[in-house]
Amino acid sequence: MTKTIEVTISPKGETKIETKGFAGSECRQASRFMEEALGVRVSEKLATEFYQQVSPLQSVTEGQV
């Protein structure tokens, strides 16, 4: 699955960051720079993928891409 980070900005200026294709805490690592740039987090909703385990083989394979 392709890894993506979607950023939605409402007409009021509220932002929403949504990660897709990440397993475990990879999503937080991948989106950290966006969160730091946008300011204080108001809320967080964790997707099912957050609770999935990353296999060592998957990490090595993705690191070689």
PDB file of N, CA and C in Angstrom:
ATOM      1  N   MET A   1       0.838  -1.184   0.000  1.00  0.00           N
ATOM      2  CA  MET A   1       0.000   0.000   0.000  1.00  0.00           C
ATOM      3  C   MET A   1       0.883   1.248   0.000  1.00  0.00           C
ATOM      4  N   THR A   2       0.495   2.226  -0.731  1.00  0.00           N
ATOM      5  CA  THR A   2       1.214   3.484  -0.807  1.00  0.00           C
ATOM      6  C   THR A   2       1.034   4.277   0.488  1.00  0.00           C
ATOM      7  N   LYS A   3       2.110   4.867   0.944  1.00  0.00           N
ATOM      8  CA  LYS A   3       2.056   5.698   2.145  1.00  0.00           C
ATOM      9  C   LYS A   3       1.776   7.139   1.735  1.00  0.00           C
ATOM     10  N   THR A   4       0.763   7.735   2.356  1.00  0.00           N
ATOM     11  CA  THR A   4       0.414   9.114   2.049  1.00  0.00           C
ATOM     12  C   THR A   4       0.106   9.879   3.331  1.00  0.00           C
ATOM     13  N   ILE A   5       0.285  11.187   3.249  1.00  0.00           N
ATOM     14  CA  ILE A   5      -0.118  12.093   4.324  1.00  0.00           C
ATOM     15  C   ILE A   5      -1.040  13.115   3.687  1.00  0.00           C
ATOM     16  N   GLU A   6      -2.291  13.148   4.152  1.00  0.00           N
ATOM     17  CA  GLU A   6      -3.268  14.098   3.631  1.00  0.00           C
ATOM     18  C   GLU A   6      -3.451  15.229   4.636  1.00  0.00           C
ATOM     19  N   VAL A   7      -3.422  16.453   4.144  1.00  0.00           N
ATOM     20  CA  VAL A   7      -3.641  17.621   4.991  1.00  0.00           C
ATOM     21  C   VAL A   7      -4.873  18.344   4.467  1.00  0.00           C
ATOM     22  N   THR A   8      -5.859  18.525   5.334  1.00  0.00           N
ATOM     23  CA  THR A   8      -7.088  19.217   4.983  1.00  0.00           C
ATOM     24  C   THR A   8      -7.157  20.501   5.794  1.00  0.00           C
ATOM     25  N   ILE A   9      -7.445  21.604   5.121  1.00  0.00           N
ATOM     26  CA  ILE A   9      -7.576  22.903   5.795  1.00  0.00           C
ATOM     27  C   ILE A   9      -9.001  23.390   5.589  1.00  0.00           C
ATOM     28  N   SER A  10      -9.709  23.628   6.688  1.00  0.00           N
ATOM     29  CA  SER A  10     -11.096  24.082   6.609  1.00  0.00           C
ATOM     30  C   SER A  10     -11.138  25.571   6.291  1.00  0.00           C
ATOM     31  N   PRO A  11     -12.296  26.081   5.876  1.00  0.00           N
ATOM     32  CA  PRO A  11     -12.438  27.522   5.627  1.00  0.00           C
ATOM     33  C   PRO A  11     -12.117  28.375   6.861  1.00  0.00           C
ATOM     34  N   LYS A  12     -12.240  27.788   8.055  1.00  0.00           N
ATOM     35  CA  LYS A  12     -11.928  28.504   9.297  1.00  0.00           C
ATOM     36  C   LYS A  12     -10.444  28.445   9.641  1.00  0.00           C
ATOM     37  N   GLY A  13      -9.658  27.716   8.836  1.00  0.00           N
ATOM     38  CA  GLY A  13      -8.230  27.609   9.083  1.00  0.00           C
ATOM     39  C   GLY A  13      -7.827  26.430   9.943  1.00  0.00           C
ATOM     40  N   GLU A  14      -8.787  25.596  10.311  1.00  0.00           N
ATOM     41  CA  GLU A  14      -8.478  24.401  11.099  1.00  0.00           C
ATOM     42  C   GLU A  14      -7.858  23.362  10.174  1.00  0.00           C
ATOM     43  N   THR A  15      -6.850  22.661  10.668  1.00  0.00           N
ATOM     44  CA  THR A  15      -6.169  21.666   9.847  1.00  0.00           C
ATOM     45  C   THR A  15      -6.403  20.266  10.385  1.00  0.00           C
ATOM     46  N   LYS A  16      -6.368  19.310   9.474  1.00  0.00           N
ATOM     47  CA  LYS A  16      -6.502  17.899   9.816  1.00  0.00           C
ATOM     48  C   LYS A  16      -5.421  17.152   9.049  1.00  0.00           C
ATOM     49  N   ILE A  17      -4.627  16.371   9.765  1.00  0.00           N
ATOM     50  CA  ILE A  17      -3.578  15.558   9.145  1.00  0.00           C
ATOM     51  C   ILE A  17      -4.018  14.111   9.251  1.00  0.00           C
ATOM     52  N   GLU A  18      -4.039  13.422   8.123  1.00  0.00           N
ATOM     53  CA  GLU A  18      -4.429  12.014   8.103  1.00  0.00           C
ATOM     54  C   GLU A  18      -3.370  11.219   7.360  1.00  0.00           C
ATOM     55  N   THR A  19      -2.875  10.173   8.012  1.00  0.00           N
ATOM     56  CA  THR A  19      -1.873   9.323   7.377  1.00  0.00           C
ATOM     57  C   THR A  19      -2.532   8.033   6.918  1.00  0.00           C
ATOM     58  N   LYS A  20      -2.042   7.504   5.807  1.00  0.00           N
ATOM     59  CA  LYS A  20      -2.576   6.251   5.268  1.00  0.00           C
ATOM     60  C   LYS A  20      -1.418   5.375   4.817  1.00  0.00           C
ATOM     61  N   GLY A  21      -1.552   4.075   5.059  1.00  0.00           N
ATOM     62  CA  GLY A  21      -0.545   3.125   4.610  1.00  0.00           C
ATOM     63  C   GLY A  21       0.588   2.896   5.592  1.00  0.00           C
ATOM     64  N   PHE A  22       0.533   3.515   6.757  1.00  0.00           N
ATOM     65  CA  PHE A  22       1.556   3.340   7.778  1.00  0.00           C
ATOM     66  C   PHE A  22       1.075   2.330   8.801  1.00  0.00           C
ATOM     67  N   ALA A  23       1.990   1.587   9.405  1.00  0.00           N
ATOM     68  CA  ALA A  23       1.636   0.632  10.450  1.00  0.00           C
ATOM     69  C   ALA A  23       2.307   1.056  11.751  1.00  0.00           C
ATOM     70  N   GLY A  24       1.607   0.838  12.844  1.00  0.00           N
ATOM     71  CA  GLY A  24       2.167   1.186  14.143  1.00  0.00           C
ATOM     72  C   GLY A  24       2.417   2.681  14.273  1.00  0.00           C
ATOM     73  N   SER A  25       3.451   3.034  15.003  1.00  0.00           N
ATOM     74  CA  SER A  25       3.738   4.450  15.258  1.00  0.00           C
ATOM     75  C   SER A  25       4.466   5.138  14.101  1.00  0.00           C
ATOM     76  N   GLU A  26       4.669   4.438  12.981  1.00  0.00           N
ATOM     77  CA  GLU A  26       5.298   5.073  11.803  1.00  0.00           C
ATOM     78  C   GLU A  26       4.543   6.334  11.395  1.00  0.00           C
ATOM     79  N   CYS A  27       3.228   6.318  11.574  1.00  0.00           N
ATOM     80  CA  CYS A  27       2.413   7.462  11.162  1.00  0.00           C
ATOM     81  C   CYS A  27       2.811   8.719  11.935  1.00  0.00           C
ATOM     82  N   ARG A  28       3.068   8.570  13.225  1.00  0.00           N
ATOM     83  CA  ARG A  28       3.469   9.732  14.029  1.00  0.00           C
ATOM     84  C   ARG A  28       4.830  10.257  13.600  1.00  0.00           C
ATOM     85  N   GLN A  29       5.742   9.356  13.314  1.00  0.00           N
ATOM     86  CA  GLN A  29       7.073   9.765  12.861  1.00  0.00           C
ATOM     87  C   GLN A  29       6.989  10.485  11.521  1.00  0.00           C
ATOM     88  N   ALA A  30       6.161   9.964  10.632  1.00  0.00           N
ATOM     89  CA  ALA A  30       6.050  10.536   9.289  1.00  0.00           C
ATOM     90  C   ALA A  30       5.380  11.905   9.286  1.00  0.00           C
ATOM     91  N   SER A  31       4.423  12.116  10.165  1.00  0.00           N
ATOM     92  CA  SER A  31       3.672  13.372  10.157  1.00  0.00           C
ATOM     93  C   SER A  31       4.161  14.385  11.187  1.00  0.00           C
ATOM     94  N   ARG A  32       5.174  14.037  11.961  1.00  0.00           N
ATOM     95  CA  ARG A  32       5.663  14.922  13.024  1.00  0.00           C
ATOM     96  C   ARG A  32       6.036  16.312  12.492  1.00  0.00           C
ATOM     97  N   PHE A  33       6.722  16.355  11.355  1.00  0.00           N
ATOM     98  CA  PHE A  33       7.150  17.657  10.826  1.00  0.00           C
ATOM     99  C   PHE A  33       5.958  18.555  10.503  1.00  0.00           C
ATOM    100  N   MET A  34       4.862  17.954  10.035  1.00  0.00           N
ATOM    101  CA  MET A  34       3.666  18.742   9.724  1.00  0.00           C
ATOM    102  C   MET A  34       3.019  19.265  11.003  1.00  0.00           C
ATOM    103  N   GLU A  35       2.928  18.408  11.990  1.00  0.00           N
ATOM    104  CA  GLU A  35       2.335  18.825  13.262  1.00  0.00           C
ATOM    105  C   GLU A  35       3.137  19.956  13.900  1.00  0.00           C
ATOM    106  N   GLU A  36       4.449  19.848  13.872  1.00  0.00           N
ATOM    107  CA  GLU A  36       5.292  20.898  14.446  1.00  0.00           C
ATOM    108  C   GLU A  36       5.126  22.211  13.687  1.00  0.00           C
ATOM    109  N   ALA A  37       4.982  22.142  12.386  1.00  0.00           N
ATOM    110  CA  ALA A  37       4.829  23.351  11.575  1.00  0.00           C
ATOM    111  C   ALA A  37       3.464  24.013  11.787  1.00  0.00           C
ATOM    112  N   LEU A  38       2.440  23.203  12.061  1.00  0.00           N
ATOM    113  CA  LEU A  38       1.081  23.734  12.168  1.00  0.00           C
ATOM    114  C   LEU A  38       0.713  24.214  13.562  1.00  0.00           C
ATOM    115  N   GLY A  39       1.419  23.766  14.582  1.00  0.00           N
ATOM    116  CA  GLY A  39       1.133  24.243  15.929  1.00  0.00           C
ATOM    117  C   GLY A  39       0.628  23.174  16.871  1.00  0.00           C
ATOM    118  N   VAL A  40      -0.179  23.574  17.834  1.00  0.00           N
ATOM    119  CA  VAL A  40      -0.633  22.714  18.917  1.00  0.00           C
ATOM    120  C   VAL A  40      -1.722  21.750  18.434  1.00  0.00           C
ATOM    121  N   ARG A  41      -1.570  20.486  18.812  1.00  0.00           N
ATOM    122  CA  ARG A  41      -2.580  19.475  18.482  1.00  0.00           C
ATOM    123  C   ARG A  41      -3.770  19.637  19.418  1.00  0.00           C
ATOM    124  N   VAL A  42      -4.964  19.683  18.853  1.00  0.00           N
ATOM    125  CA  VAL A  42      -6.180  19.818  19.641  1.00  0.00           C
ATOM    126  C   VAL A  42      -6.736  18.450  19.990  1.00  0.00           C
ATOM    127  N   SER A  43      -6.688  17.523  19.042  1.00  0.00           N
ATOM    128  CA  SER A  43      -7.178  16.176  19.300  1.00  0.00           C
ATOM    129  C   SER A  43      -6.432  15.182  18.416  1.00  0.00           C
ATOM    130  N   GLU A  44      -6.600  13.912  18.749  1.00  0.00           N
ATOM    131  CA  GLU A  44      -5.955  12.860  17.976  1.00  0.00           C
ATOM    132  C   GLU A  44      -6.897  11.667  17.922  1.00  0.00           C
ATOM    133  N   LYS A  45      -7.077  11.114  16.730  1.00  0.00           N
ATOM    134  CA  LYS A  45      -7.891   9.920  16.539  1.00  0.00           C
ATOM    135  C   LYS A  45      -7.006   8.892  15.857  1.00  0.00           C
ATOM    136  N   LEU A  46      -6.761   7.774  16.519  1.00  0.00           N
ATOM    137  CA  LEU A  46      -5.875   6.747  15.981  1.00  0.00           C
ATOM    138  C   LEU A  46      -6.673   5.746  15.150  1.00  0.00           C
ATOM    139  N   ALA A  47      -6.158   5.445  13.959  1.00  0.00           N
ATOM    140  CA  ALA A  47      -6.798   4.489  13.063  1.00  0.00           C
ATOM    141  C   ALA A  47      -6.397   3.067  13.440  1.00  0.00           C
ATOM    142  N   THR A  48      -7.073   2.114  12.870  1.00  0.00           N
ATOM    143  CA  THR A  48      -6.782   0.705  13.116  1.00  0.00           C
ATOM    144  C   THR A  48      -5.334   0.373  12.813  1.00  0.00           C
ATOM    145  N   GLU A  49      -4.777   0.975  11.775  1.00  0.00           N
ATOM    146  CA  GLU A  49      -3.405   0.704  11.360  1.00  0.00           C
ATOM    147  C   GLU A  49      -2.390   1.026  12.457  1.00  0.00           C
ATOM    148  N   PHE A  50      -2.732   1.963  13.340  1.00  0.00           N
ATOM    149  CA  PHE A  50      -1.822   2.336  14.417  1.00  0.00           C
ATOM    150  C   PHE A  50      -1.532   1.139  15.326  1.00  0.00           C
ATOM    151  N   TYR A  51      -2.494   0.275  15.480  1.00  0.00           N
ATOM    152  CA  TYR A  51      -2.359  -0.863  16.380  1.00  0.00           C
ATOM    153  C   TYR A  51      -1.743  -2.092  15.704  1.00  0.00           C
ATOM    154  N   GLN A  52      -1.413  -2.002  14.420  1.00  0.00           N
ATOM    155  CA  GLN A  52      -0.760  -3.089  13.714  1.00  0.00           C
ATOM    156  C   GLN A  52       0.726  -3.084  14.029  1.00  0.00           C
ATOM    157  N   GLN A  53       1.311  -4.248  14.049  1.00  0.00           N
ATOM    158  CA  GLN A  53       2.734  -4.387  14.292  1.00  0.00           C
ATOM    159  C   GLN A  53       3.493  -4.286  12.976  1.00  0.00           C
ATOM    160  N   VAL A  54       4.666  -3.685  13.000  1.00  0.00           N
ATOM    161  CA  VAL A  54       5.539  -3.604  11.838  1.00  0.00           C
ATOM    162  C   VAL A  54       6.523  -4.760  11.936  1.00  0.00           C
ATOM    163  N   SER A  55       6.556  -5.593  10.909  1.00  0.00           N
ATOM    164  CA  SER A  55       7.492  -6.715  10.935  1.00  0.00           C
ATOM    165  C   SER A  55       8.885  -6.218  10.567  1.00  0.00           C
ATOM    166  N   PRO A  56       9.946  -6.811  11.131  1.00  0.00           N
ATOM    167  CA  PRO A  56      11.316  -6.403  10.800  1.00  0.00           C
ATOM    168  C   PRO A  56      11.597  -6.505   9.302  1.00  0.00           C
ATOM    169  N   LEU A  57      11.059  -7.521   8.633  1.00  0.00           N
ATOM    170  CA  LEU A  57      11.256  -7.687   7.201  1.00  0.00           C
ATOM    171  C   LEU A  57      10.638  -6.531   6.430  1.00  0.00           C
ATOM    172  N   GLN A  58       9.448  -6.096   6.844  1.00  0.00           N
ATOM    173  CA  GLN A  58       8.773  -4.985   6.181  1.00  0.00           C
ATOM    174  C   GLN A  58       9.597  -3.711   6.307  1.00  0.00           C
ATOM    175  N   SER A  59      10.158  -3.439   7.460  1.00  0.00           N
ATOM    176  CA  SER A  59      10.965  -2.234   7.671  1.00  0.00           C
ATOM    177  C   SER A  59      12.206  -2.238   6.816  1.00  0.00           C
ATOM    178  N   VAL A  60      12.885  -3.375   6.716  1.00  0.00           N
ATOM    179  CA  VAL A  60      14.101  -3.483   5.907  1.00  0.00           C
ATOM    180  C   VAL A  60      13.773  -3.302   4.445  1.00  0.00           C
ATOM    181  N   THR A  61      12.716  -3.947   3.977  1.00  0.00           N
ATOM    182  CA  THR A  61      12.341  -3.868   2.567  1.00  0.00           C
ATOM    183  C   THR A  61      11.988  -2.441   2.186  1.00  0.00           C
ATOM    184  N   GLU A  62      11.222  -1.747   3.016  1.00  0.00           N
ATOM    185  CA  GLU A  62      10.816  -0.385   2.704  1.00  0.00           C
ATOM    186  C   GLU A  62      12.006   0.571   2.771  1.00  0.00           C
ATOM    187  N   GLY A  63      12.963   0.300   3.626  1.00  0.00           N
ATOM    188  CA  GLY A  63      14.137   1.147   3.734  1.00  0.00           C
ATOM    189  C   GLY A  63      15.032   1.081   2.507  1.00  0.00           C
ATOM    190  N   GLN A  64      14.911   0.002   1.713  1.00  0.00           N
ATOM    191  CA  GLN A  64      15.745  -0.165   0.537  1.00  0.00           C
ATOM    192  C   GLN A  64      15.172   0.509  -0.688  1.00  0.00           C
ATOM    193  N   VAL A  65      13.923   0.950  -0.620  1.00  0.00           N
ATOM    194  CA  VAL A  65      13.262   1.555  -1.783  1.00  0.00           C
ATOM    195  C   VAL A  65      13.850   2.895  -2.103  1.00  0.00           C
TER     196      VAL A  65
END
